[in-house]
Amino acid sequence: MNIIERIDRPCEYVEMAQTALIACQYLYLWLFAGPDDAYKVYSLAILMAFEFVMVHSGLFMAAMPLKASIRLFIPLYGLFAFAFGHSMREGDYTIIILYLATVLNRMRFAFFNVSKSVKQRVVRQSMIALAVYFVLTVSVVCAESVIPSFSLGAAFSESASYTREVRAGGLFVEKPYVPICLGFLYYSVLSFFNFKTVWWERAFIKRRCTGGYTEEVTNKRQQKNK
């Protein structure tokens, strides 16, 4: 077992906690955003649009060979990250940093000879994230007229503090409660799936260890009886 597989379990716990905290952040802004949170709401709305790029890149980078990822997918999706970065404040490199950190996290398995089960789990998680994002995005956009806006209604989106920060257009910007609601649902579901994955793996390891120990004790007793 190499170092990547040794730190894989702590990374799973960190990812589970991270997605839960992000979901809470989206929920807080959905319910209690004020004038001082204008740029935070705008930037998180842009990040939810950029997540469309991230989930696709995650699946391709996890499933495709290393050379294809380095030569094609990393530069290609990097251009998308650069384009999205221009919609943020000048000097705000959040999207670029997020993209590079995500690439390093997802590509850590490509540079080491990890077990097949670990690679399969990474691909499975990427496919789940892509499916969840697609289903929730279509559902939220179609139901935007009935989604409660809470603190992100017309009074917020038309306020001077918010319009001053806007550097892009579209539904996600004009109705910020839509991407914020999507972000809360998306990261909540991902956190739930991450929890289920960690719980299932722990239960599987526990059953395997217990079963192996029981079998060993049974064999020793049978040998003594003989």
Protein backbone atom coordinates (compact mmCIF):
# COMPACT_ATOMS: atom_id res chain seq x y z
CA MET A 1 0.00 0.00 0.00
CA ASN A 2 1.54 3.32 -1.10
CA ILE A 3 1.22 6.70 0.58
CA ILE A 4 -1.73 7.75 -1.60
CA GLU A 5 -3.79 4.79 -0.41
CA ARG A 6 -2.74 5.45 3.20
CA ILE A 7 -4.09 9.01 3.14
CA ASP A 8 -7.13 8.08 1.05
CA ARG A 9 -9.35 7.42 4.07
CA PRO A 10 -8.55 10.76 5.80
CA CYS A 11 -9.17 12.49 2.47
CA GLU A 12 -12.63 10.88 2.34
CA TYR A 13 -13.47 12.26 5.80
CA VAL A 14 -12.21 15.71 4.81
CA GLU A 15 -14.28 15.67 1.61
CA MET A 16 -17.40 14.61 3.51
CA ALA A 17 -16.96 17.43 6.04
CA GLN A 18 -16.13 19.92 3.29
CA THR A 19 -19.27 19.23 1.25
CA ALA A 20 -21.42 19.45 4.40
CA LEU A 21 -19.89 22.82 5.34
CA ILE A 22 -20.38 24.18 1.81
CA ALA A 23 -24.02 23.06 1.89
CA CYS A 24 -24.47 24.94 5.19
CA GLN A 25 -22.89 28.05 3.66
CA TYR A 26 -25.34 27.99 0.74
CA LEU A 27 -28.26 27.45 3.11
CA TYR A 28 -27.19 30.34 5.33
CA LEU A 29 -26.98 32.75 2.38
CA TRP A 30 -30.31 31.52 1.04
CA LEU A 31 -32.00 32.29 4.36
CA PHE A 32 -30.06 35.20 5.86
CA ALA A 33 -28.08 37.03 3.14
CA GLY A 34 -27.74 40.79 3.69
CA PRO A 35 -26.35 43.70 1.66
CA ASP A 36 -22.82 42.94 2.88
CA ASP A 37 -23.09 39.42 1.43
CA ALA A 38 -23.70 40.63 -2.13
CA TYR A 39 -20.34 39.57 -3.56
CA LYS A 40 -20.38 36.31 -1.64
CA VAL A 41 -23.78 35.43 -3.13
CA TYR A 42 -22.63 36.44 -6.62
CA SER A 43 -19.37 34.47 -6.40
CA LEU A 44 -21.11 31.33 -5.10
CA ALA A 45 -23.67 31.62 -7.90
CA ILE A 46 -20.82 31.74 -10.43
CA LEU A 47 -19.16 28.79 -8.72
CA MET A 48 -22.32 26.72 -9.15
CA ALA A 49 -22.26 27.50 -12.87
CA PHE A 50 -18.56 26.57 -12.96
CA GLU A 51 -19.37 23.28 -11.22
CA PHE A 52 -20.76 22.18 -14.60
CA VAL A 53 -17.16 22.23 -15.84
CA MET A 54 -15.80 20.64 -12.68
CA VAL A 55 -18.06 17.58 -12.70
CA HIS A 56 -17.27 16.85 -16.35
CA SER A 57 -13.55 17.29 -15.79
CA GLY A 58 -13.73 15.03 -12.74
CA LEU A 59 -15.25 12.18 -14.70
CA PHE A 60 -12.91 12.47 -17.67
CA MET A 61 -9.77 12.85 -15.57
CA ALA A 62 -10.70 9.88 -13.41
CA ALA A 63 -11.63 7.58 -16.29
CA MET A 64 -9.20 8.57 -19.04
CA PRO A 65 -5.49 7.67 -19.26
CA LEU A 66 -2.96 10.00 -17.66
CA LYS A 67 -1.50 11.26 -20.96
CA ALA A 68 -4.94 12.18 -22.32
CA SER A 69 -5.75 14.12 -19.15
CA ILE A 70 -2.48 16.06 -19.16
CA ARG A 71 -2.44 16.86 -22.88
CA LEU A 72 -6.14 17.49 -23.51
CA PHE A 73 -8.50 17.76 -20.55
CA ILE A 74 -6.44 19.81 -18.09
CA PRO A 75 -5.65 22.60 -20.62
CA LEU A 76 -9.18 22.51 -22.09
CA TYR A 77 -10.99 22.83 -18.78
CA GLY A 78 -8.33 25.28 -17.64
CA LEU A 79 -9.52 27.64 -20.39
CA PHE A 80 -13.06 27.40 -19.00
CA ALA A 81 -11.72 28.18 -15.53
CA PHE A 82 -9.85 31.21 -16.92
CA ALA A 83 -13.02 32.44 -18.67
CA PHE A 84 -15.14 32.04 -15.53
CA GLY A 85 -12.42 33.78 -13.53
CA HIS A 86 -12.96 36.95 -15.57
CA SER A 87 -16.51 37.22 -14.20
CA MET A 88 -15.15 37.62 -10.67
CA ARG A 89 -13.65 40.69 -9.03
CA GLU A 90 -10.30 41.81 -10.30
CA GLY A 91 -7.69 40.00 -8.25
CA ASP A 92 -10.11 37.28 -7.13
CA TYR A 93 -8.55 34.01 -8.30
CA THR A 94 -10.92 31.74 -6.39
CA ILE A 95 -12.03 29.80 -9.47
CA ILE A 96 -8.46 29.33 -10.77
CA ILE A 97 -7.24 28.14 -7.36
CA LEU A 98 -10.27 25.88 -6.94
CA TYR A 99 -9.68 24.33 -10.35
CA LEU A 100 -5.97 23.70 -9.73
CA ALA A 101 -6.64 22.25 -6.27
CA THR A 102 -9.34 19.99 -7.69
CA VAL A 103 -7.06 18.81 -10.50
CA LEU A 104 -4.32 17.93 -8.02
CA ASN A 105 -6.81 16.11 -5.81
CA ARG A 106 -8.37 14.12 -8.65
CA MET A 107 -5.09 13.36 -10.39
CA ARG A 108 -3.32 12.08 -7.27
CA PHE A 109 -4.36 8.54 -8.20
CA ALA A 110 -3.04 8.85 -11.75
CA PHE A 111 0.59 9.29 -10.72
CA PHE A 112 0.68 6.28 -8.40
CA ASN A 113 -0.09 2.60 -8.86
CA VAL A 114 -3.14 2.36 -6.62
CA SER A 115 -5.50 -0.59 -6.37
CA LYS A 116 -8.23 -1.12 -8.92
CA SER A 117 -10.95 -0.78 -6.27
CA VAL A 118 -9.76 2.72 -5.37
CA LYS A 119 -9.80 3.82 -9.01
CA GLN A 120 -13.26 2.33 -9.49
CA ARG A 121 -14.53 4.21 -6.45
CA VAL A 122 -13.17 7.52 -7.79
CA VAL A 123 -14.85 6.96 -11.16
CA ARG A 124 -18.10 5.95 -9.43
CA GLN A 125 -18.08 9.08 -7.28
CA SER A 126 -17.44 11.28 -10.32
CA MET A 127 -20.35 9.67 -12.17
CA ILE A 128 -22.64 10.19 -9.17
CA ALA A 129 -21.62 13.86 -8.91
CA LEU A 130 -22.29 14.40 -12.61
CA ALA A 131 -25.70 12.70 -12.44
CA VAL A 132 -26.70 14.59 -9.28
CA TYR A 133 -25.66 17.94 -10.76
CA PHE A 134 -27.54 17.33 -14.02
CA VAL A 135 -30.76 16.14 -12.36
CA LEU A 136 -30.81 18.89 -9.71
CA THR A 137 -29.94 21.65 -12.18
CA VAL A 138 -32.76 20.70 -14.55
CA SER A 139 -35.20 20.31 -11.64
CA VAL A 140 -34.30 23.61 -9.96
CA VAL A 141 -34.31 25.61 -13.20
CA CYS A 142 -37.69 24.17 -14.23
CA ALA A 143 -39.15 24.87 -10.77
CA GLU A 144 -37.57 28.30 -10.26
CA SER A 145 -40.96 30.00 -10.22
CA VAL A 146 -42.07 28.03 -7.13
CA ILE A 147 -38.77 28.00 -5.24
CA PRO A 148 -38.91 30.35 -2.24
CA SER A 149 -36.42 33.18 -2.61
CA PHE A 150 -36.18 33.91 1.15
CA SER A 151 -33.52 36.63 1.53
CA LEU A 152 -32.51 36.56 -2.16
CA GLY A 153 -35.65 37.97 -3.75
CA ALA A 154 -36.08 40.96 -6.04
CA ALA A 155 -35.15 43.40 -3.28
CA PHE A 156 -31.73 41.76 -3.02
CA SER A 157 -31.03 41.13 -6.72
CA GLU A 158 -32.03 44.71 -7.63
CA SER A 159 -30.14 46.34 -4.78
CA ALA A 160 -27.20 48.62 -5.52
CA SER A 161 -24.81 46.46 -3.49
CA TYR A 162 -25.58 43.41 -5.64
CA THR A 163 -25.81 45.03 -9.08
CA ARG A 164 -22.47 46.72 -8.39
CA GLU A 165 -20.82 43.30 -8.12
CA VAL A 166 -22.45 41.69 -11.19
CA ARG A 167 -20.10 41.09 -14.11
CA ALA A 168 -22.09 38.41 -15.93
CA GLY A 169 -25.67 37.66 -16.96
CA GLY A 170 -28.15 34.82 -17.08
CA LEU A 171 -30.63 33.14 -14.78
CA PHE A 172 -28.06 32.26 -12.12
CA VAL A 173 -27.09 35.92 -11.76
CA GLU A 174 -30.46 37.59 -12.26
CA LYS A 175 -32.19 35.25 -9.78
CA PRO A 176 -29.46 34.36 -7.27
CA TYR A 177 -31.78 32.24 -5.14
CA VAL A 178 -31.80 29.65 -7.96
CA PRO A 179 -28.05 28.76 -7.89
CA ILE A 180 -27.91 29.17 -4.10
CA CYS A 181 -30.78 26.70 -3.70
CA LEU A 182 -29.08 24.41 -6.21
CA GLY A 183 -25.81 24.65 -4.31
CA PHE A 184 -27.46 23.73 -1.03
CA LEU A 185 -29.20 20.69 -2.55
CA TYR A 186 -26.20 19.59 -4.59
CA TYR A 187 -23.65 19.64 -1.79
CA SER A 188 -26.12 18.14 0.68
CA VAL A 189 -26.66 15.16 -1.62
CA LEU A 190 -22.91 14.80 -2.23
CA SER A 191 -22.26 14.89 1.51
CA PHE A 192 -24.87 12.17 2.00
CA PHE A 193 -23.29 9.97 -0.68
CA ASN A 194 -19.81 10.55 0.76
CA PHE A 195 -21.09 9.54 4.19
CA LYS A 196 -22.69 6.41 2.75
CA THR A 197 -19.44 5.51 0.97
CA VAL A 198 -17.33 5.90 4.12
CA TRP A 199 -19.89 4.04 6.25
CA TRP A 200 -20.16 1.18 3.72
CA GLU A 201 -16.38 0.80 3.47
CA ARG A 202 -15.97 0.77 7.25
CA ALA A 203 -18.75 -1.81 7.60
CA PHE A 204 -17.22 -3.96 4.86
CA ILE A 205 -13.76 -3.87 6.45
CA LYS A 206 -15.24 -4.65 9.88
CA ARG A 207 -17.18 -7.64 8.54
CA ARG A 208 -14.15 -8.90 6.67
CA CYS A 209 -11.89 -8.59 9.71
CA THR A 210 -14.44 -10.17 12.05
CA GLY A 211 -15.14 -12.98 9.62
CA GLY A 212 -11.45 -13.67 9.14
CA TYR A 213 -10.84 -13.75 12.89
CA THR A 214 -13.80 -16.07 13.50
CA GLU A 215 -12.66 -18.42 10.76
CA GLU A 216 -9.14 -18.54 12.18
CA VAL A 217 -10.39 -19.36 15.70
CA THR A 218 -12.71 -22.07 14.31
CA ASN A 219 -9.85 -23.70 12.40
CA LYS A 220 -7.62 -23.75 15.48
CA ARG A 221 -10.34 -25.37 17.58
CA GLN A 222 -10.95 -28.00 14.93
CA GLN A 223 -7.24 -28.81 14.87
CA LYS A 224 -7.17 -29.18 18.67
CA ASN A 225 -10.19 -31.51 18.63
CA LYS A 226 -8.45 -33.74 16.13
